[in-house]
Amino acid sequence: MENYTMEGRTYRYYGQEAPLYPFGYGLSYTTFHYRDLVLSPPVLPVCANLTVSVVLENTGLRDSEEVVQLYLRWEQSSVPVPRWQLVAFRRVAVLAGREAKLSFQVLAEQRAVWVQDWRLEPGTFTLFAGGQQPGQKTRAPSEVLSAQFSVTGTARPLRGC
């Protein structure tokens, strides 16, 4: 095998074709509402980590669990990258009518791209938070919030941070 790219080999690189059963696919016996997605800081140096918080509210009549998923999308990259990449997830139990504020860390290494070595690049990124993948079409309603952040500085090898 000489071609090690994932282009055309996994749904993350298939273009606009959605997977039949995406990550987190399943049913819930209640409904959830996402709000207050906060990225801190909204502009960060190339080697810095990002702090993410989001509020998850159980708006249904039953206690239930939700798998909160965070995806990262590169808005421009020097090499081919996935449409989006799962960077964090957490299963959370929320009582009916209650809410939970969740915090996550997105590490700088999760933004690295392979260019003969792992590199961090400046640019604009979009972070998605919700109970499913961005753009997923399902019968069960689930929201996906999004927010952008910027990375400043010059490209550098990951090991140089």
Protein backbone atom coordinates (compact mmCIF):
# COMPACT_ATOMS: atom_id res chain seq x y z
CA MET A 1 0.00 0.00 0.00
CA GLU A 2 1.49 3.31 -1.03
CA ASN A 3 -1.40 5.74 -0.55
CA TYR A 4 -1.94 6.38 3.16
CA THR A 5 -4.43 9.20 2.82
CA MET A 6 -7.93 8.54 4.13
CA GLU A 7 -9.53 10.24 1.12
CA GLY A 8 -12.45 8.05 -0.01
CA ARG A 9 -11.83 5.44 2.70
CA THR A 10 -13.83 6.75 5.62
CA TYR A 11 -17.03 8.80 5.87
CA ARG A 12 -15.07 11.70 7.39
CA TYR A 13 -13.61 12.33 3.92
CA TYR A 14 -16.50 11.29 1.63
CA GLY A 15 -17.64 14.82 0.84
CA GLN A 16 -21.33 15.48 1.40
CA GLU A 17 -22.46 11.87 1.73
CA ALA A 18 -23.71 11.25 5.28
CA PRO A 19 -22.95 7.99 7.11
CA LEU A 20 -25.85 5.58 7.62
CA TYR A 21 -25.25 5.34 11.40
CA PRO A 22 -23.10 8.27 12.57
CA PHE A 23 -21.35 8.40 15.91
CA GLY A 24 -23.83 8.84 18.76
CA TYR A 25 -26.77 7.48 16.74
CA GLY A 26 -29.61 6.27 18.92
CA LEU A 27 -32.88 7.06 20.61
CA SER A 28 -33.69 9.04 23.70
CA TYR A 29 -36.90 8.96 25.67
CA THR A 30 -36.84 12.69 26.29
CA THR A 31 -35.76 15.93 24.63
CA PHE A 32 -32.74 18.10 25.27
CA HIS A 33 -31.97 21.75 24.61
CA TYR A 34 -28.44 23.12 24.19
CA ARG A 35 -27.57 26.76 24.90
CA ASP A 36 -24.84 29.14 25.96
CA LEU A 37 -21.93 27.69 23.98
CA VAL A 38 -18.85 29.64 25.11
CA LEU A 39 -15.33 29.31 23.68
CA SER A 40 -12.55 30.80 25.77
CA PRO A 41 -10.48 32.50 24.62
CA PRO A 42 -12.07 33.24 21.22
CA VAL A 43 -8.61 34.14 19.86
CA LEU A 44 -5.72 32.00 21.04
CA PRO A 45 -2.01 31.50 20.27
CA VAL A 46 -1.08 28.54 18.06
CA CYS A 47 0.08 26.34 20.99
CA ALA A 48 -2.77 27.16 23.40
CA ASN A 49 -5.68 24.98 24.48
CA LEU A 50 -9.33 26.01 24.13
CA THR A 51 -11.86 25.87 26.98
CA VAL A 52 -15.45 25.10 25.96
CA SER A 53 -18.61 25.28 28.04
CA VAL A 54 -22.20 24.53 27.12
CA VAL A 55 -25.47 24.20 29.02
CA LEU A 56 -27.57 21.07 28.46
CA GLU A 57 -31.20 21.16 29.59
CA ASN A 58 -33.53 18.16 29.80
CA THR A 59 -36.78 19.67 28.48
CA GLY A 60 -38.69 16.37 28.52
CA LEU A 61 -40.73 14.55 31.15
CA ARG A 62 -38.24 11.74 31.87
CA ASP A 63 -34.83 11.55 33.47
CA SER A 64 -32.37 10.57 30.77
CA GLU A 65 -28.82 10.55 29.51
CA GLU A 66 -27.36 12.46 26.57
CA VAL A 67 -24.03 11.99 24.80
CA VAL A 68 -22.71 15.51 24.35
CA GLN A 69 -20.35 15.62 21.36
CA LEU A 70 -17.81 18.26 20.33
CA TYR A 71 -16.59 18.43 16.73
CA LEU A 72 -13.90 20.63 15.22
CA ARG A 73 -13.82 21.92 11.64
CA TRP A 74 -10.84 23.59 9.98
CA GLU A 75 -12.06 26.49 7.82
CA GLN A 76 -8.87 26.44 5.77
CA SER A 77 -5.94 24.08 6.00
CA SER A 78 -2.76 23.54 4.03
CA VAL A 79 -3.57 19.81 3.66
CA PRO A 80 -6.77 17.77 3.28
CA VAL A 81 -8.57 17.36 6.61
CA PRO A 82 -11.85 15.72 7.66
CA ARG A 83 -15.12 17.65 7.24
CA TRP A 84 -15.12 17.69 11.03
CA GLN A 85 -13.39 15.72 13.74
CA LEU A 86 -14.70 14.47 17.06
CA VAL A 87 -12.56 16.10 19.76
CA ALA A 88 -14.55 15.30 22.92
CA PHE A 89 -17.68 13.59 24.15
CA ARG A 90 -19.30 12.88 27.49
CA ARG A 91 -22.36 10.91 28.58
CA VAL A 92 -24.37 13.03 31.00
CA ALA A 93 -27.37 12.07 33.12
CA VAL A 94 -29.83 14.96 33.51
CA LEU A 95 -33.03 14.83 35.55
CA ALA A 96 -36.27 15.91 33.86
CA GLY A 97 -36.62 19.70 33.93
CA ARG A 98 -33.03 20.21 35.09
CA GLU A 99 -29.90 21.43 33.37
CA ALA A 100 -26.18 20.78 33.54
CA LYS A 101 -23.31 23.09 32.62
CA LEU A 102 -20.49 21.13 31.04
CA SER A 103 -16.86 22.14 30.50
CA PHE A 104 -14.38 20.61 28.06
CA GLN A 105 -10.77 21.22 27.05
CA VAL A 106 -9.83 21.05 23.38
CA LEU A 107 -6.08 20.52 23.33
CA ALA A 108 -3.81 22.18 20.79
CA GLU A 109 -2.71 18.74 19.57
CA GLN A 110 -6.30 18.05 18.47
CA ARG A 111 -5.92 20.85 15.90
CA ALA A 112 -2.69 19.40 14.48
CA VAL A 113 -2.49 18.41 10.81
CA TRP A 114 -0.07 15.97 9.21
CA VAL A 115 2.47 17.64 6.88
CA GLN A 116 5.41 15.19 6.98
CA ASP A 117 5.11 15.78 10.75
CA TRP A 118 2.33 16.94 13.08
CA ARG A 119 1.96 20.72 12.70
CA LEU A 120 -0.18 23.39 14.27
CA GLU A 121 -1.45 26.04 11.89
CA PRO A 122 -3.07 29.42 12.49
CA GLY A 123 -6.50 30.11 11.07
CA THR A 124 -10.20 30.05 11.75
CA PHE A 125 -11.94 27.03 13.23
CA THR A 126 -15.55 26.14 13.97
CA LEU A 127 -16.49 24.13 17.04
CA PHE A 128 -19.81 22.25 17.14
CA ALA A 129 -21.51 21.05 20.35
CA GLY A 130 -24.62 18.90 20.46
CA GLY A 131 -26.18 15.49 20.67
CA GLN A 132 -25.21 14.49 17.13
CA GLN A 133 -22.82 15.25 14.29
CA PRO A 134 -23.17 18.60 12.49
CA GLY A 135 -25.71 18.46 9.68
CA GLN A 136 -27.02 15.05 10.69
CA LYS A 137 -30.58 14.34 9.59
CA THR A 138 -32.52 12.22 12.08
CA ARG A 139 -36.11 11.73 13.09
CA ALA A 140 -35.27 12.48 16.72
CA PRO A 141 -34.66 16.21 17.17
CA SER A 142 -31.28 17.21 18.50
CA GLU A 143 -29.58 20.55 18.32
CA VAL A 144 -26.03 21.32 17.32
CA LEU A 145 -24.64 24.71 18.32
CA SER A 146 -21.60 26.21 16.65
CA ALA A 147 -19.11 28.97 17.34
CA GLN A 148 -15.91 30.09 15.67
CA PHE A 149 -12.51 30.80 17.16
CA SER A 150 -9.22 31.97 15.69
CA VAL A 151 -5.68 30.75 16.16
CA THR A 152 -2.90 33.32 15.71
CA GLY A 153 0.83 33.00 15.21
CA THR A 154 2.91 31.07 12.72
CA ALA A 155 2.69 27.39 11.80
CA ARG A 156 5.01 25.22 13.87
CA PRO A 157 5.68 21.57 14.61
CA LEU A 158 3.51 20.19 17.41
CA ARG A 159 6.61 19.02 19.29
CA GLY A 160 7.79 22.66 19.28
CA CYS A 161 5.04 23.74 21.68
